[in-house]
Amino acid sequence: MLTISMGTSVDGFIADRTGAFDWTMPDDEQFRFHLDTVRELGACLCGRRLYETMLPWETDPAMRHGELYSAFADAWVALPKIVFSRTLDRVEGNARLADRPLTEEIPAVLDSTEKDVEIGGATLAGQAVEAGLVDQFQIFRYPIIVGGGTPLLPPVPEAVPLELMESRVFGNRVVYERYRRTQG
């Protein structure tokens, strides 16, 4: 399945008006959840900004400042990443630049693994939503209203029916919701 996994404010933004998302910092409980999720993925499709945000997990030894963080870095390094960018001419680590359009790359990546594939980056994920290619949505709803910024999801031409598969509240009061797209 192709999965979007993103943090959002209560009012539906993944970054505020200035582009900041520091309010999405997970506590250890939520970080362990992310670690377990990354360990189960077969690949990650990334937009350029997400790739650059996550690159220190592959390149900066300072990110390994404890057992939990070292385990996440190991999982992230092992995960194949496909980066979509119009400005990068090379990528580092266990990544490659996408060489096909998104609508061709997604089925090819899904066919290359028996595991779920995650797609991240607001623009890239939005394109996959608009194309009807996302099977599952993992949303981490943070207890904050930011009043504007980068929306979690793009406008869609018609309703996308979803089924709530799982929900929980972390100790830091972040609400996790996992939805699967249904054939409505």
C-alpha atoms as a PDB file:
ATOM      1  CA  MET A   1       0.000   0.000   0.000  1.00  0.00           C
ATOM      2  CA  LEU A   2       1.035   3.586  -0.566  1.00  0.00           C
ATOM      3  CA  THR A   3       0.810   5.498   2.702  1.00  0.00           C
ATOM      4  CA  ILE A   4       0.968   9.157   3.651  1.00  0.00           C
ATOM      5  CA  SER A   5       2.201   9.729   7.191  1.00  0.00           C
ATOM      6  CA  MET A   6       2.261  13.336   8.377  1.00  0.00           C
ATOM      7  CA  GLY A   7       1.833  15.505  11.409  1.00  0.00           C
ATOM      8  CA  THR A   8      -0.794  18.224  11.272  1.00  0.00           C
ATOM      9  CA  SER A   9      -2.231  20.968  13.411  1.00  0.00           C
ATOM     10  CA  VAL A  10      -5.836  20.715  14.539  1.00  0.00           C
ATOM     11  CA  ASP A  11      -6.704  23.166  11.752  1.00  0.00           C
ATOM     12  CA  GLY A  12      -5.071  20.949   9.102  1.00  0.00           C
ATOM     13  CA  PHE A  13      -1.616  22.422   8.421  1.00  0.00           C
ATOM     14  CA  ILE A  14       1.696  20.536   8.333  1.00  0.00           C
ATOM     15  CA  ALA A  15       3.725  23.756   8.611  1.00  0.00           C
ATOM     16  CA  ASP A  16       2.719  27.212   9.801  1.00  0.00           C
ATOM     17  CA  ARG A  17       2.715  30.443   7.763  1.00  0.00           C
ATOM     18  CA  THR A  18       6.493  30.813   8.155  1.00  0.00           C
ATOM     19  CA  GLY A  19       7.152  27.200   7.139  1.00  0.00           C
ATOM     20  CA  ALA A  20       7.960  26.136  10.704  1.00  0.00           C
ATOM     21  CA  PHE A  21       6.891  22.736  11.991  1.00  0.00           C
ATOM     22  CA  ASP A  22       8.860  22.617  15.247  1.00  0.00           C
ATOM     23  CA  TRP A  23       5.579  22.000  17.067  1.00  0.00           C
ATOM     24  CA  THR A  24       5.578  18.473  15.546  1.00  0.00           C
ATOM     25  CA  MET A  25       8.515  17.201  17.599  1.00  0.00           C
ATOM     26  CA  PRO A  26       7.574  13.745  18.924  1.00  0.00           C
ATOM     27  CA  ASP A  27       8.154  12.594  22.472  1.00  0.00           C
ATOM     28  CA  ASP A  28       9.973   9.266  23.034  1.00  0.00           C
ATOM     29  CA  GLU A  29       6.756   7.233  22.901  1.00  0.00           C
ATOM     30  CA  GLN A  30       5.741   8.705  19.555  1.00  0.00           C
ATOM     31  CA  PHE A  31       9.340   8.510  18.267  1.00  0.00           C
ATOM     32  CA  ARG A  32       9.366   4.748  19.024  1.00  0.00           C
ATOM     33  CA  PHE A  33       6.123   4.446  17.052  1.00  0.00           C
ATOM     34  CA  HIS A  34       7.795   6.195  14.090  1.00  0.00           C
ATOM     35  CA  LEU A  35      10.816   3.900  14.427  1.00  0.00           C
ATOM     36  CA  ASP A  36       8.602   0.802  14.306  1.00  0.00           C
ATOM     37  CA  THR A  37       6.794   2.198  11.269  1.00  0.00           C
ATOM     38  CA  VAL A  38       9.999   2.970   9.350  1.00  0.00           C
ATOM     39  CA  ARG A  39      11.341  -0.511  10.088  1.00  0.00           C
ATOM     40  CA  GLU A  40       8.283  -2.014   8.336  1.00  0.00           C
ATOM     41  CA  LEU A  41       8.514   0.065   5.140  1.00  0.00           C
ATOM     42  CA  GLY A  42       9.816  -1.175   1.807  1.00  0.00           C
ATOM     43  CA  ALA A  43      10.690   2.299   0.473  1.00  0.00           C
ATOM     44  CA  CYS A  44       9.993   5.998   0.906  1.00  0.00           C
ATOM     45  CA  LEU A  45       9.132   8.444  -1.868  1.00  0.00           C
ATOM     46  CA  CYS A  46      10.360  11.903  -0.858  1.00  0.00           C
ATOM     47  CA  GLY A  47      10.041  15.416  -2.111  1.00  0.00           C
ATOM     48  CA  ARG A  48      13.256  17.456  -2.109  1.00  0.00           C
ATOM     49  CA  ARG A  49      12.556  19.343   1.122  1.00  0.00           C
ATOM     50  CA  LEU A  50      11.698  16.172   3.050  1.00  0.00           C
ATOM     51  CA  TYR A  51      14.796  14.452   1.678  1.00  0.00           C
ATOM     52  CA  GLU A  52      16.981  17.382   2.778  1.00  0.00           C
ATOM     53  CA  THR A  53      15.282  17.527   6.199  1.00  0.00           C
ATOM     54  CA  MET A  54      15.899  13.809   6.777  1.00  0.00           C
ATOM     55  CA  LEU A  55      19.399  13.616   5.244  1.00  0.00           C
ATOM     56  CA  PRO A  56      21.188  14.295   8.571  1.00  0.00           C
ATOM     57  CA  TRP A  57      19.860  10.932   9.817  1.00  0.00           C
ATOM     58  CA  GLU A  58      22.148   9.377   7.199  1.00  0.00           C
ATOM     59  CA  THR A  59      25.109  11.737   7.354  1.00  0.00           C
ATOM     60  CA  ASP A  60      25.401  13.402  10.782  1.00  0.00           C
ATOM     61  CA  PRO A  61      26.775  11.281  13.646  1.00  0.00           C
ATOM     62  CA  ALA A  62      25.293  13.798  16.121  1.00  0.00           C
ATOM     63  CA  MET A  63      21.826  12.436  15.276  1.00  0.00           C
ATOM     64  CA  ARG A  64      22.817   9.189  17.032  1.00  0.00           C
ATOM     65  CA  HIS A  65      22.732  10.712  20.526  1.00  0.00           C
ATOM     66  CA  GLY A  66      21.109   7.767  22.252  1.00  0.00           C
ATOM     67  CA  GLU A  67      19.929   4.228  21.691  1.00  0.00           C
ATOM     68  CA  LEU A  68      16.508   5.244  20.329  1.00  0.00           C
ATOM     69  CA  TYR A  69      17.967   7.792  17.916  1.00  0.00           C
ATOM     70  CA  SER A  70      20.706   5.406  16.760  1.00  0.00           C
ATOM     71  CA  ALA A  71      18.060   2.761  16.057  1.00  0.00           C
ATOM     72  CA  PHE A  72      16.042   5.260  14.010  1.00  0.00           C
ATOM     73  CA  ALA A  73      19.137   6.341  12.072  1.00  0.00           C
ATOM     74  CA  ASP A  74      19.910   2.687  11.297  1.00  0.00           C
ATOM     75  CA  ALA A  75      16.347   2.086  10.087  1.00  0.00           C
ATOM     76  CA  TRP A  76      16.352   5.271   7.983  1.00  0.00           C
ATOM     77  CA  VAL A  77      19.745   4.459   6.417  1.00  0.00           C
ATOM     78  CA  ALA A  78      18.505   0.977   5.466  1.00  0.00           C
ATOM     79  CA  LEU A  79      15.305   2.291   3.861  1.00  0.00           C
ATOM     80  CA  PRO A  80      15.490   2.847   0.080  1.00  0.00           C
ATOM     81  CA  LYS A  81      14.443   6.388  -0.817  1.00  0.00           C
ATOM     82  CA  ILE A  82      13.300   7.751  -4.172  1.00  0.00           C
ATOM     83  CA  VAL A  83      13.678  11.535  -4.342  1.00  0.00           C
ATOM     84  CA  PHE A  84      11.601  13.746  -6.625  1.00  0.00           C
ATOM     85  CA  SER A  85      13.330  17.025  -7.400  1.00  0.00           C
ATOM     86  CA  ARG A  86      13.637  19.489 -10.240  1.00  0.00           C
ATOM     87  CA  THR A  87      16.715  21.114  -8.665  1.00  0.00           C
ATOM     88  CA  LEU A  88      18.913  18.305  -7.310  1.00  0.00           C
ATOM     89  CA  ASP A  89      21.271  16.534  -9.694  1.00  0.00           C
ATOM     90  CA  ARG A  90      22.430  13.943  -7.148  1.00  0.00           C
ATOM     91  CA  VAL A  91      21.429  12.474  -3.795  1.00  0.00           C
ATOM     92  CA  GLU A  92      23.342  10.782  -0.988  1.00  0.00           C
ATOM     93  CA  GLY A  93      22.947   7.665   1.067  1.00  0.00           C
ATOM     94  CA  ASN A  94      20.413   4.981   0.260  1.00  0.00           C
ATOM     95  CA  ALA A  95      18.561   7.220  -2.199  1.00  0.00           C
ATOM     96  CA  ARG A  96      18.141   7.721  -5.901  1.00  0.00           C
ATOM     97  CA  LEU A  97      16.570  10.462  -7.959  1.00  0.00           C
ATOM     98  CA  ALA A  98      13.263   9.515  -9.541  1.00  0.00           C
ATOM     99  CA  ASP A  99      13.647   9.054 -13.265  1.00  0.00           C
ATOM    100  CA  ARG A 100       9.959   8.672 -14.142  1.00  0.00           C
ATOM    101  CA  PRO A 101       6.818  10.710 -13.509  1.00  0.00           C
ATOM    102  CA  LEU A 102       5.167  10.106 -10.129  1.00  0.00           C
ATOM    103  CA  THR A 103       2.275   8.167 -11.680  1.00  0.00           C
ATOM    104  CA  GLU A 104       4.796   5.712 -13.195  1.00  0.00           C
ATOM    105  CA  GLU A 105       7.264   5.640 -10.300  1.00  0.00           C
ATOM    106  CA  ILE A 106       4.670   4.733  -7.645  1.00  0.00           C
ATOM    107  CA  PRO A 107       3.495   1.463  -9.270  1.00  0.00           C
ATOM    108  CA  ALA A 108       7.103   0.485 -10.044  1.00  0.00           C
ATOM    109  CA  VAL A 109       8.214   1.043  -6.438  1.00  0.00           C
ATOM    110  CA  LEU A 110       5.162  -0.783  -5.063  1.00  0.00           C
ATOM    111  CA  ASP A 111       5.916  -3.723  -7.375  1.00  0.00           C
ATOM    112  CA  SER A 112       9.535  -3.813  -6.148  1.00  0.00           C
ATOM    113  CA  THR A 113       8.635  -4.630  -2.528  1.00  0.00           C
ATOM    114  CA  GLU A 114       6.158  -6.708  -0.572  1.00  0.00           C
ATOM    115  CA  LYS A 115       6.074  -4.033   2.124  1.00  0.00           C
ATOM    116  CA  ASP A 116       4.174  -0.767   2.317  1.00  0.00           C
ATOM    117  CA  VAL A 117       5.681   2.335   0.741  1.00  0.00           C
ATOM    118  CA  GLU A 118       5.441   5.772   2.319  1.00  0.00           C
ATOM    119  CA  ILE A 119       5.227   9.045   0.420  1.00  0.00           C
ATOM    120  CA  GLY A 120       6.189  12.303   2.069  1.00  0.00           C
ATOM    121  CA  GLY A 121       6.494  15.961   1.334  1.00  0.00           C
ATOM    122  CA  ALA A 122       3.400  18.120   1.031  1.00  0.00           C
ATOM    123  CA  THR A 123       3.596  18.755  -2.708  1.00  0.00           C
ATOM    124  CA  LEU A 124       4.574  15.232  -3.695  1.00  0.00           C
ATOM    125  CA  ALA A 125       2.049  13.558  -1.402  1.00  0.00           C
ATOM    126  CA  GLY A 126      -0.616  15.984  -2.598  1.00  0.00           C
ATOM    127  CA  GLN A 127       0.038  14.958  -6.192  1.00  0.00           C
ATOM    128  CA  ALA A 128      -0.396  11.304  -5.229  1.00  0.00           C
ATOM    129  CA  VAL A 129      -3.677  12.125  -3.458  1.00  0.00           C
ATOM    130  CA  GLU A 130      -4.921  14.069  -6.491  1.00  0.00           C
ATOM    131  CA  ALA A 131      -4.027  11.105  -8.733  1.00  0.00           C
ATOM    132  CA  GLY A 132      -5.957   8.717  -6.464  1.00  0.00           C
ATOM    133  CA  LEU A 133      -2.851   6.632  -5.709  1.00  0.00           C
ATOM    134  CA  VAL A 134      -2.790   6.833  -1.895  1.00  0.00           C
ATOM    135  CA  ASP A 135      -4.210   3.799  -0.103  1.00  0.00           C
ATOM    136  CA  GLN A 136      -3.675   4.790   3.519  1.00  0.00           C
ATOM    137  CA  PHE A 137      -3.408   7.979   5.564  1.00  0.00           C
ATOM    138  CA  GLN A 138      -1.553   8.092   8.887  1.00  0.00           C
ATOM    139  CA  ILE A 139      -2.259  11.415  10.545  1.00  0.00           C
ATOM    140  CA  PHE A 140      -0.672  12.703  13.735  1.00  0.00           C
ATOM    141  CA  ARG A 141      -2.911  15.546  14.956  1.00  0.00           C
ATOM    142  CA  TYR A 142      -0.994  17.933  17.235  1.00  0.00           C
ATOM    143  CA  PRO A 143      -2.881  19.989  19.828  1.00  0.00           C
ATOM    144  CA  ILE A 144      -2.228  23.366  18.227  1.00  0.00           C
ATOM    145  CA  ILE A 145      -4.000  25.751  15.866  1.00  0.00           C
ATOM    146  CA  VAL A 146      -1.542  27.569  13.600  1.00  0.00           C
ATOM    147  CA  GLY A 147      -4.042  29.593  11.561  1.00  0.00           C
ATOM    148  CA  GLY A 148      -2.555  29.005   8.118  1.00  0.00           C
ATOM    149  CA  GLY A 149       0.400  27.572   6.258  1.00  0.00           C
ATOM    150  CA  THR A 150       0.962  24.409   4.244  1.00  0.00           C
ATOM    151  CA  PRO A 151      -2.202  22.277   4.194  1.00  0.00           C
ATOM    152  CA  LEU A 152      -2.050  18.576   4.957  1.00  0.00           C
ATOM    153  CA  LEU A 153      -4.079  17.637   1.889  1.00  0.00           C
ATOM    154  CA  PRO A 154      -4.829  19.285  -1.450  1.00  0.00           C
ATOM    155  CA  PRO A 155      -8.321  20.050  -2.692  1.00  0.00           C
ATOM    156  CA  VAL A 156      -9.765  17.024  -4.488  1.00  0.00           C
ATOM    157  CA  PRO A 157     -12.360  17.030  -7.280  1.00  0.00           C
ATOM    158  CA  GLU A 158     -14.579  14.502  -5.496  1.00  0.00           C
ATOM    159  CA  ALA A 159     -14.921  12.969  -2.054  1.00  0.00           C
ATOM    160  CA  VAL A 160     -12.441  10.267  -1.033  1.00  0.00           C
ATOM    161  CA  PRO A 161     -14.224   7.800   1.287  1.00  0.00           C
ATOM    162  CA  LEU A 162     -12.078   6.540   4.155  1.00  0.00           C
ATOM    163  CA  GLU A 163     -12.421   3.928   6.877  1.00  0.00           C
ATOM    164  CA  LEU A 164     -10.850   4.555  10.283  1.00  0.00           C
ATOM    165  CA  MET A 165      -8.604   1.529  10.938  1.00  0.00           C
ATOM    166  CA  GLU A 166      -6.832   2.628  14.111  1.00  0.00           C
ATOM    167  CA  SER A 167      -6.573   5.531  16.513  1.00  0.00           C
ATOM    168  CA  ARG A 168      -4.741   6.295  19.712  1.00  0.00           C
ATOM    169  CA  VAL A 169      -3.591   9.179  21.859  1.00  0.00           C
ATOM    170  CA  PHE A 170       0.079   9.446  22.756  1.00  0.00           C
ATOM    171  CA  GLY A 171       1.226  10.701  26.154  1.00  0.00           C
ATOM    172  CA  ASN A 172       2.049  14.102  24.627  1.00  0.00           C
ATOM    173  CA  ARG A 173      -1.669  14.366  23.656  1.00  0.00           C
ATOM    174  CA  VAL A 174      -1.013  13.864  19.939  1.00  0.00           C
ATOM    175  CA  VAL A 175      -3.893  11.977  18.326  1.00  0.00           C
ATOM    176  CA  TYR A 176      -2.931   9.311  15.790  1.00  0.00           C
ATOM    177  CA  GLU A 177      -5.473   8.287  13.153  1.00  0.00           C
ATOM    178  CA  ARG A 178      -4.922   5.648  10.460  1.00  0.00           C
ATOM    179  CA  TYR A 179      -7.434   5.614   7.621  1.00  0.00           C
ATOM    180  CA  ARG A 180      -7.673   3.314   4.629  1.00  0.00           C
ATOM    181  CA  ARG A 181      -9.246   4.472   1.395  1.00  0.00           C
ATOM    182  CA  THR A 182     -12.412   2.540   0.577  1.00  0.00           C
ATOM    183  CA  GLN A 183     -14.256   1.996  -2.653  1.00  0.00           C
ATOM    184  CA  GLY A 184     -17.200   4.255  -1.871  1.00  0.00           C
END
